[in-house]
Amino acid sequence: MSSSVVNRKKKDCCGCNACMEICPRCCITMIADAKGFHYPKVDTTACVDCGACKKVCPFEEENIKLNIPLTAYAAWNKDREEYLASSSGGAAHVFSSYIIRQGGVVYGCTSEGMHIRHIRVDSLSNLFKLQGSKYVQSDVRGLFSQVKADLKSGKPVLFVGTPCQVAGLKNYIKWIPEHLYLVDLICHGVPSQQMLNEHIHHILKTSAEQLSFRKGQLFRIEITSRCGTVYSSEPYGDTYFRAFLDGISYRKSCYHCPFARKERVSDVTIGDFWGLQDAASLPLEISEGISVLLPSSEKGKSLIAAAKSDMWIYERSVEEAVEGNTQLYRPVHNGLSARLLSMLYPYFPFDKAVRIVIVKDLILESLKNILRSFKPVLMPIINVIRR
């Protein structure tokens, strides 16, 4: 099977699902590994070695087509309620509202209980399902064919996802019509659904009803169980969130991501505008976050222009946007802690494996806290010695 991509190393598979959906013999299935990440598995008795899977794989160098951003914008939703309900500045919600008002549909990530997956939304009343950050890999299985069907019917379609998901969809569709708008997120990397599920069970000892990772610029995990119990923690007080922020729980391909660069795969890239200079000079209250918009096609610029009436938007330089976001110039480093966690999990439960990995950091933090508590006692002694 020389033309197949399903037997390659895990670092070369992002789990976008394009190979499974494109297979004309339906002989590819996505199977979860021991860490919960899905990888394609081929039924060799049905495979005819047609090479379709290789032609859609976004990690194949010949399939990667990127464009340099045309400009950059700092933007946020004018609707205060929607702005506060969104991550960052709420740009994705503005774009989604515009597409639906044009009679179109939006594909984006939602949290149904604890199942993080992409869904199709065709009404303004259901757009709330797509709001908020979900720091876990979204399930897109079976979705690309729905997108294709909507495009064939002539509906405007907006797809919002990680760069590799966008790339997989582009390769699957093959032709990119004018009524398809692609928006990719500045992605740092993705843990698996299994990791999240294990963590929630470790915390609540039961299933959960709602999950939130942040509101605006405030990072804080909140989990509500079906019986009403609420768990809440600062990011570095929670093992799952800490592993995510430290970049040690990601899929193997995230550490080799070909899309973590200035050149982009979509029409518009959105994310937090970290490193925004002279933010205090911008009008209005923006303390809950600002979106960065990086249009990389004329279609992307036209989408921003069409939704401009619903956003406060200010043009900035591409260099400023790139400088503040490391994922716009390199993938996250596959350091010792990440490699150690990969070895320990799933031989240990997820939370226990993370704690083993970060034990040195926990010890250092404890020592700092001890020294901080003794500071009022030690400072007079230190001052006497200095004299």
Protein backbone atom coordinates (compact mmCIF):
# COMPACT_ATOMS: atom_id res chain seq x y z
CA MET A 1 0.00 0.00 0.00
CA SER A 2 2.55 2.55 -1.14
CA SER A 3 -0.01 5.28 -1.72
CA SER A 4 -1.69 4.98 1.68
CA VAL A 5 -1.04 7.37 4.57
CA VAL A 6 -2.68 5.32 7.29
CA ASN A 7 0.40 3.38 8.37
CA ARG A 8 2.73 6.30 8.97
CA LYS A 9 4.15 7.54 12.27
CA LYS A 10 1.73 9.22 14.67
CA LYS A 11 3.56 12.53 14.44
CA ASP A 12 2.44 12.71 10.80
CA CYS A 13 -1.29 12.37 11.51
CA CYS A 14 -3.42 15.20 12.91
CA GLY A 15 -6.66 13.19 13.09
CA CYS A 16 -8.56 15.49 10.70
CA ASN A 17 -10.58 12.52 9.38
CA ALA A 18 -10.27 13.57 5.71
CA CYS A 19 -8.79 10.20 4.70
CA MET A 20 -11.72 8.28 6.14
CA GLU A 21 -14.32 10.47 4.47
CA ILE A 22 -12.64 10.46 1.06
CA CYS A 23 -12.08 6.69 0.86
CA PRO A 24 -14.21 5.37 -2.05
CA ARG A 25 -14.30 1.88 -0.56
CA CYS A 26 -15.13 3.01 2.98
CA CYS A 27 -12.29 0.85 4.24
CA ILE A 28 -10.76 3.40 6.67
CA THR A 29 -11.97 3.84 10.23
CA MET A 30 -10.71 6.18 12.95
CA ILE A 31 -9.59 4.21 15.99
CA ALA A 32 -8.59 5.70 19.36
CA ASP A 33 -5.15 4.77 20.67
CA ALA A 34 -4.30 4.22 24.34
CA LYS A 35 -4.13 8.00 24.91
CA GLY A 36 -7.51 8.64 23.28
CA PHE A 37 -6.26 10.18 20.02
CA HIS A 38 -7.92 8.88 16.85
CA TYR A 39 -5.84 7.48 14.00
CA PRO A 40 -6.92 5.88 10.72
CA LYS A 41 -6.95 2.13 10.37
CA VAL A 42 -7.37 0.47 6.97
CA ASP A 43 -9.18 -2.72 6.09
CA THR A 44 -6.51 -4.16 3.81
CA THR A 45 -8.92 -6.68 2.33
CA ALA A 46 -11.04 -3.85 0.88
CA CYS A 47 -8.31 -1.31 0.03
CA VAL A 48 -7.52 -0.99 -3.69
CA ASP A 49 -4.54 1.32 -3.16
CA CYS A 50 -6.17 4.19 -5.05
CA GLY A 51 -4.17 6.86 -3.20
CA ALA A 52 -7.20 9.05 -2.38
CA CYS A 53 -6.23 9.17 1.31
CA LYS A 54 -2.77 10.49 0.50
CA LYS A 55 -4.16 13.21 -1.77
CA VAL A 56 -6.25 14.71 1.05
CA CYS A 57 -3.80 14.35 3.95
CA PRO A 58 -2.92 17.85 5.24
CA PHE A 59 0.48 16.62 6.46
CA GLU A 60 1.58 15.66 2.95
CA GLU A 61 3.92 18.44 1.84
CA GLU A 62 2.46 18.64 -1.66
CA ASN A 63 -1.03 19.18 -0.19
CA ILE A 64 -0.07 22.19 1.96
CA LYS A 65 -1.05 25.47 0.34
CA LEU A 66 -0.55 28.60 2.46
CA ASN A 67 -0.83 32.36 1.99
CA ILE A 68 0.85 35.28 3.72
CA PRO A 69 -1.63 37.45 5.70
CA LEU A 70 -2.62 40.57 3.79
CA THR A 71 -2.94 42.67 6.94
CA ALA A 72 -3.96 42.38 10.60
CA TYR A 73 -6.77 43.81 12.71
CA ALA A 74 -7.54 44.19 16.38
CA ALA A 75 -11.29 43.65 16.78
CA TRP A 76 -14.07 42.92 19.25
CA ASN A 77 -17.82 42.50 19.18
CA LYS A 78 -19.89 45.67 19.61
CA ASP A 79 -22.64 43.67 21.33
CA ARG A 80 -21.53 43.77 24.97
CA GLU A 81 -23.49 40.67 25.99
CA GLU A 82 -22.09 38.57 23.15
CA TYR A 83 -18.62 40.00 23.73
CA LEU A 84 -18.63 38.87 27.36
CA ALA A 85 -20.01 35.42 26.44
CA SER A 86 -17.23 34.79 23.93
CA SER A 87 -13.56 33.98 24.21
CA SER A 88 -11.29 36.87 23.33
CA GLY A 89 -13.17 39.50 21.32
CA GLY A 90 -15.98 37.37 19.92
CA ALA A 91 -15.03 37.71 16.23
CA ALA A 92 -16.12 34.15 15.38
CA HIS A 93 -19.64 34.91 16.65
CA VAL A 94 -19.83 38.04 14.48
CA PHE A 95 -18.77 36.13 11.35
CA SER A 96 -21.19 33.30 12.17
CA SER A 97 -24.11 35.68 12.65
CA TYR A 98 -23.40 37.34 9.32
CA ILE A 99 -23.29 34.02 7.41
CA ILE A 100 -26.56 32.79 8.94
CA ARG A 101 -28.28 36.10 8.14
CA GLN A 102 -27.27 35.47 4.53
CA GLY A 103 -29.17 32.18 4.61
CA GLY A 104 -26.05 30.13 5.26
CA VAL A 105 -24.82 27.61 7.81
CA VAL A 106 -21.92 27.52 10.25
CA TYR A 107 -19.78 24.58 11.30
CA GLY A 108 -17.96 24.97 14.59
CA CYS A 109 -17.00 23.32 17.85
CA THR A 110 -19.45 22.75 20.70
CA SER A 111 -19.58 20.96 24.03
CA GLU A 112 -22.53 18.56 24.29
CA GLY A 113 -22.18 17.51 27.88
CA MET A 114 -18.51 16.53 27.78
CA HIS A 115 -18.48 15.46 24.13
CA ILE A 116 -16.44 18.06 22.27
CA ARG A 117 -17.38 17.93 18.60
CA HIS A 118 -18.16 20.01 15.52
CA ILE A 119 -21.79 20.61 14.67
CA ARG A 120 -23.82 22.32 11.96
CA VAL A 121 -25.72 25.45 13.03
CA ASP A 122 -28.29 27.14 10.78
CA SER A 123 -30.07 29.53 13.15
CA LEU A 124 -29.01 32.56 15.19
CA SER A 125 -30.73 31.13 18.26
CA ASN A 126 -28.32 28.16 18.33
CA LEU A 127 -25.09 30.08 17.81
CA PHE A 128 -24.51 30.18 21.57
CA LYS A 129 -23.55 26.50 21.31
CA LEU A 130 -20.36 27.48 19.50
CA GLN A 131 -19.21 30.12 21.98
CA GLY A 132 -16.33 29.64 24.38
CA SER A 133 -12.96 27.91 24.14
CA LYS A 134 -12.69 24.13 24.27
CA TYR A 135 -9.16 22.98 24.99
CA VAL A 136 -9.51 19.46 23.62
CA GLN A 137 -9.48 17.96 20.11
CA SER A 138 -12.88 18.30 18.50
CA ASP A 139 -14.53 15.31 16.85
CA VAL A 140 -15.22 16.09 13.15
CA ARG A 141 -16.08 12.56 11.99
CA GLY A 142 -18.80 12.54 9.33
CA LEU A 143 -18.83 16.33 9.01
CA PHE A 144 -16.94 17.01 5.77
CA SER A 145 -19.61 15.28 3.66
CA GLN A 146 -22.26 17.54 5.25
CA VAL A 147 -20.22 20.61 4.33
CA LYS A 148 -19.95 19.37 0.76
CA ALA A 149 -23.70 18.79 0.55
CA ASP A 150 -24.45 22.31 1.80
CA LEU A 151 -22.05 23.77 -0.76
CA LYS A 152 -23.69 21.84 -3.58
CA SER A 153 -27.05 23.26 -2.53
CA GLY A 154 -25.64 26.77 -2.89
CA LYS A 155 -25.72 27.73 0.78
CA PRO A 156 -23.04 30.07 2.12
CA VAL A 157 -20.93 27.98 4.50
CA LEU A 158 -18.58 29.11 7.27
CA PHE A 159 -16.25 26.49 8.73
CA VAL A 160 -14.31 27.36 11.90
CA GLY A 161 -11.66 24.96 13.14
CA THR A 162 -8.01 24.30 13.79
CA PRO A 163 -5.62 24.83 10.85
CA CYS A 164 -5.24 21.09 10.24
CA GLN A 165 -9.03 20.62 10.20
CA VAL A 166 -9.39 23.46 7.71
CA ALA A 167 -6.61 22.00 5.56
CA GLY A 168 -8.21 18.55 5.66
CA LEU A 169 -11.57 19.99 4.60
CA LYS A 170 -9.99 21.97 1.73
CA ASN A 171 -8.26 18.87 0.41
CA TYR A 172 -11.43 16.80 0.77
CA ILE A 173 -13.59 19.29 -1.14
CA LYS A 174 -10.87 19.83 -3.80
CA TRP A 175 -12.61 22.89 -5.23
CA ILE A 176 -13.13 25.97 -3.06
CA PRO A 177 -16.30 27.83 -4.14
CA GLU A 178 -16.85 31.52 -3.45
CA HIS A 179 -19.58 30.74 -0.90
CA LEU A 180 -17.25 28.71 1.35
CA TYR A 181 -15.56 30.79 4.06
CA LEU A 182 -12.76 29.17 6.04
CA VAL A 183 -11.65 30.49 9.44
CA ASP A 184 -8.85 28.85 11.37
CA LEU A 185 -7.99 29.33 15.02
CA ILE A 186 -4.53 30.11 16.36
CA CYS A 187 -4.03 26.66 17.82
CA HIS A 188 -1.44 25.75 20.46
CA GLY A 189 -2.16 22.02 20.40
CA VAL A 190 -4.88 19.60 21.46
CA PRO A 191 -5.24 17.06 24.30
CA SER A 192 -7.60 14.12 23.74
CA GLN A 193 -11.23 13.73 24.78
CA GLN A 194 -10.18 10.72 26.86
CA MET A 195 -7.78 12.86 28.92
CA LEU A 196 -10.56 15.32 29.66
CA ASN A 197 -13.03 12.56 30.56
CA GLU A 198 -10.57 10.93 32.96
CA HIS A 199 -9.84 14.26 34.60
CA ILE A 200 -13.51 15.09 35.08
CA HIS A 201 -14.20 11.68 36.62
CA HIS A 202 -11.16 12.14 38.89
CA ILE A 203 -12.51 15.51 40.08
CA LEU A 204 -16.26 14.83 40.30
CA LYS A 205 -16.41 11.01 40.52
CA THR A 206 -19.35 11.30 38.12
CA SER A 207 -20.26 12.68 34.70
CA ALA A 208 -20.49 16.39 33.99
CA GLU A 209 -23.18 18.60 32.50
CA GLN A 210 -21.29 21.80 31.66
CA LEU A 211 -17.69 22.80 31.09
CA SER A 212 -15.99 26.17 30.71
CA PHE A 213 -12.31 27.02 30.34
CA ARG A 214 -12.42 30.80 30.12
CA LYS A 215 -14.52 33.94 29.87
CA GLY A 216 -12.83 36.69 27.90
CA GLN A 217 -9.25 36.95 29.16
CA LEU A 218 -10.02 35.16 32.43
CA PHE A 219 -8.69 31.61 32.34
CA ARG A 220 -10.55 29.46 34.86
CA ILE A 221 -11.90 25.95 34.55
CA GLU A 222 -15.44 25.35 35.80
CA ILE A 223 -17.14 21.95 35.67
CA THR A 224 -20.75 21.37 36.71
CA SER A 225 -21.93 17.84 37.44
CA ARG A 226 -25.40 16.56 36.63
CA CYS A 227 -26.28 16.70 40.32
CA GLY A 228 -25.29 20.36 40.51
CA THR A 229 -21.83 20.09 42.04
CA VAL A 230 -19.50 22.81 40.75
CA TYR A 231 -15.75 22.43 40.53
CA SER A 232 -13.77 25.61 39.89
CA SER A 233 -10.04 26.21 39.75
CA GLU A 234 -7.39 28.61 38.56
CA PRO A 235 -5.53 27.17 35.54
CA TYR A 236 -2.35 26.15 37.38
CA GLY A 237 -4.35 24.63 40.22
CA ASP A 238 -5.96 22.14 37.83
CA THR A 239 -3.91 19.27 36.40
CA TYR A 240 -5.69 19.12 33.02
CA PHE A 241 -5.51 22.88 32.45
CA ARG A 242 -1.92 23.03 33.65
CA ALA A 243 -0.85 20.25 31.30
CA PHE A 244 -2.54 22.11 28.44
CA LEU A 245 -0.96 25.48 29.23
CA ASP A 246 2.46 23.85 29.71
CA GLY A 247 2.05 22.17 26.33
CA ILE A 248 2.75 18.64 27.56
CA SER A 249 -0.52 16.81 26.80
CA TYR A 250 -0.87 17.41 23.08
CA ARG A 251 -1.24 15.07 20.16
CA LYS A 252 2.15 14.04 18.69
CA SER A 253 1.50 15.90 15.45
CA CYS A 254 1.03 19.19 17.33
CA TYR A 255 4.75 19.24 18.10
CA HIS A 256 5.50 19.00 14.37
CA CYS A 257 2.63 21.16 13.07
CA PRO A 258 3.30 22.54 9.56
CA PHE A 259 0.62 25.19 10.09
CA ALA A 260 2.23 26.88 13.12
CA ARG A 261 3.68 29.67 11.01
CA LYS A 262 2.89 33.13 9.70
CA GLU A 263 1.60 31.78 6.39
CA ARG A 264 -2.00 30.63 6.85
CA VAL A 265 -4.26 27.96 5.41
CA SER A 266 -7.65 29.72 5.66
CA ASP A 267 -9.36 32.91 4.52
CA VAL A 268 -9.13 34.43 8.00
CA THR A 269 -7.14 33.43 11.07
CA ILE A 270 -8.55 34.45 14.46
CA GLY A 271 -7.32 34.25 18.04
CA ASP A 272 -6.27 36.38 20.99
CA PHE A 273 -4.30 39.50 20.12
CA TRP A 274 -1.52 38.83 22.60
CA GLY A 275 1.22 41.45 22.54
CA LEU A 276 -1.06 44.20 21.28
CA GLN A 277 0.87 47.44 21.54
CA ASP A 278 -0.66 50.66 22.84
CA ALA A 279 -3.87 48.85 23.80
CA ALA A 280 -4.74 51.66 26.20
CA SER A 281 -5.01 54.04 23.24
CA LEU A 282 -7.93 52.07 21.79
CA PRO A 283 -11.39 53.45 22.65
CA LEU A 284 -13.98 51.71 24.81
CA GLU A 285 -13.56 49.03 27.45
CA ILE A 286 -11.63 46.05 26.10
CA SER A 287 -10.50 44.40 29.31
CA GLU A 288 -12.26 41.14 28.41
CA GLY A 289 -10.03 40.54 25.40
CA ILE A 290 -9.38 41.48 21.80
CA SER A 291 -9.44 39.25 18.75
CA VAL A 292 -6.69 39.30 16.18
CA LEU A 293 -7.90 38.94 12.59
CA LEU A 294 -5.46 37.90 9.89
CA PRO A 295 -7.09 37.80 6.43
CA SER A 296 -5.01 35.75 3.99
CA SER A 297 -7.26 36.02 0.95
CA GLU A 298 -9.43 38.66 -0.67
CA LYS A 299 -12.43 36.57 0.37
CA GLY A 300 -11.25 36.85 3.96
CA LYS A 301 -10.97 40.61 3.68
CA SER A 302 -14.47 40.78 2.19
CA LEU A 303 -15.87 38.70 5.09
CA ILE A 304 -14.32 41.11 7.58
CA ALA A 305 -15.64 44.10 5.64
CA ALA A 306 -19.15 42.61 5.51
CA ALA A 307 -19.19 42.04 9.30
CA LYS A 308 -17.46 45.32 10.11
CA SER A 309 -20.62 47.09 11.25
CA ASP A 310 -20.90 44.67 14.18
CA MET A 311 -17.28 45.00 15.37
CA TRP A 312 -14.94 47.63 16.64
CA ILE A 313 -11.99 47.07 14.34
CA TYR A 314 -8.57 48.69 14.01
CA GLU A 315 -5.89 47.84 11.49
CA ARG A 316 -2.51 46.78 12.86
CA SER A 317 0.66 45.34 11.36
CA VAL A 318 1.07 41.64 10.64
CA GLU A 319 4.43 41.75 12.42
CA GLU A 320 2.78 42.95 15.64
CA ALA A 321 0.24 40.12 15.51
CA VAL A 322 2.87 37.46 14.81
CA GLU A 323 5.26 38.67 17.51
CA GLY A 324 2.66 38.23 20.26
CA ASN A 325 1.60 34.70 19.23
CA THR A 326 4.30 32.03 19.22
CA GLN A 327 2.03 29.66 17.28
CA LEU A 328 2.26 32.05 14.35
CA TYR A 329 5.95 31.25 13.91
CA ARG A 330 6.67 27.82 15.44
CA PRO A 331 5.01 24.73 16.95
CA VAL A 332 5.14 24.12 20.68
CA HIS A 333 8.39 22.48 21.82
CA ASN A 334 8.27 18.75 22.46
CA GLY A 335 10.24 19.03 25.68
CA LEU A 336 11.24 16.55 28.34
CA SER A 337 7.99 16.97 30.30
CA ALA A 338 5.86 16.28 27.21
CA ARG A 339 7.87 13.20 26.32
CA LEU A 340 7.73 11.95 29.90
CA LEU A 341 3.95 12.35 30.08
CA SER A 342 3.64 10.48 26.79
CA MET A 343 5.55 7.57 28.31
CA LEU A 344 3.69 7.53 31.65
CA TYR A 345 0.14 7.92 30.32
CA PRO A 346 -1.87 5.72 30.11
CA TYR A 347 0.16 3.34 32.30
CA PHE A 348 -0.90 5.74 35.07
CA PRO A 349 -4.24 7.56 35.26
CA PHE A 350 -4.05 10.93 33.51
CA ASP A 351 -4.06 13.15 36.61
CA LYS A 352 -1.49 10.99 38.38
CA ALA A 353 0.77 10.95 35.32
CA VAL A 354 0.65 14.75 35.07
CA ARG A 355 1.46 15.14 38.76
CA ILE A 356 4.48 12.87 38.43
CA VAL A 357 5.72 14.96 35.49
CA ILE A 358 5.27 18.30 37.21
CA VAL A 359 6.46 17.23 40.66
CA LYS A 360 9.68 19.23 40.33
CA ASP A 361 7.63 22.36 39.59
CA LEU A 362 5.33 21.68 42.53
CA ILE A 363 8.35 21.32 44.84
CA LEU A 364 9.82 24.61 43.61
CA GLU A 365 6.47 26.35 44.08
CA SER A 366 6.20 24.99 47.63
CA LEU A 367 9.70 26.22 48.45
CA LYS A 368 8.88 29.66 47.08
CA ASN A 369 5.71 29.80 49.18
CA ILE A 370 7.65 28.74 52.28
CA LEU A 371 10.29 31.41 51.69
CA ARG A 372 7.58 33.97 51.02
CA SER A 373 5.88 33.18 54.35
CA PHE A 374 9.19 33.55 56.22
CA LYS A 375 10.12 36.78 54.47
CA PRO A 376 8.76 39.10 57.23
CA VAL A 377 10.90 37.21 59.76
CA LEU A 378 14.00 36.90 57.60
CA MET A 379 14.20 40.46 56.26
CA PRO A 380 15.13 42.13 59.60
CA ILE A 381 17.84 39.49 60.09
CA ILE A 382 19.15 40.01 56.54
CA ASN A 383 19.21 43.79 57.07
CA VAL A 384 21.20 43.38 60.30
CA ILE A 385 23.73 41.13 58.52
CA ARG A 386 24.10 43.67 55.70
CA ARG A 387 25.02 46.37 58.19
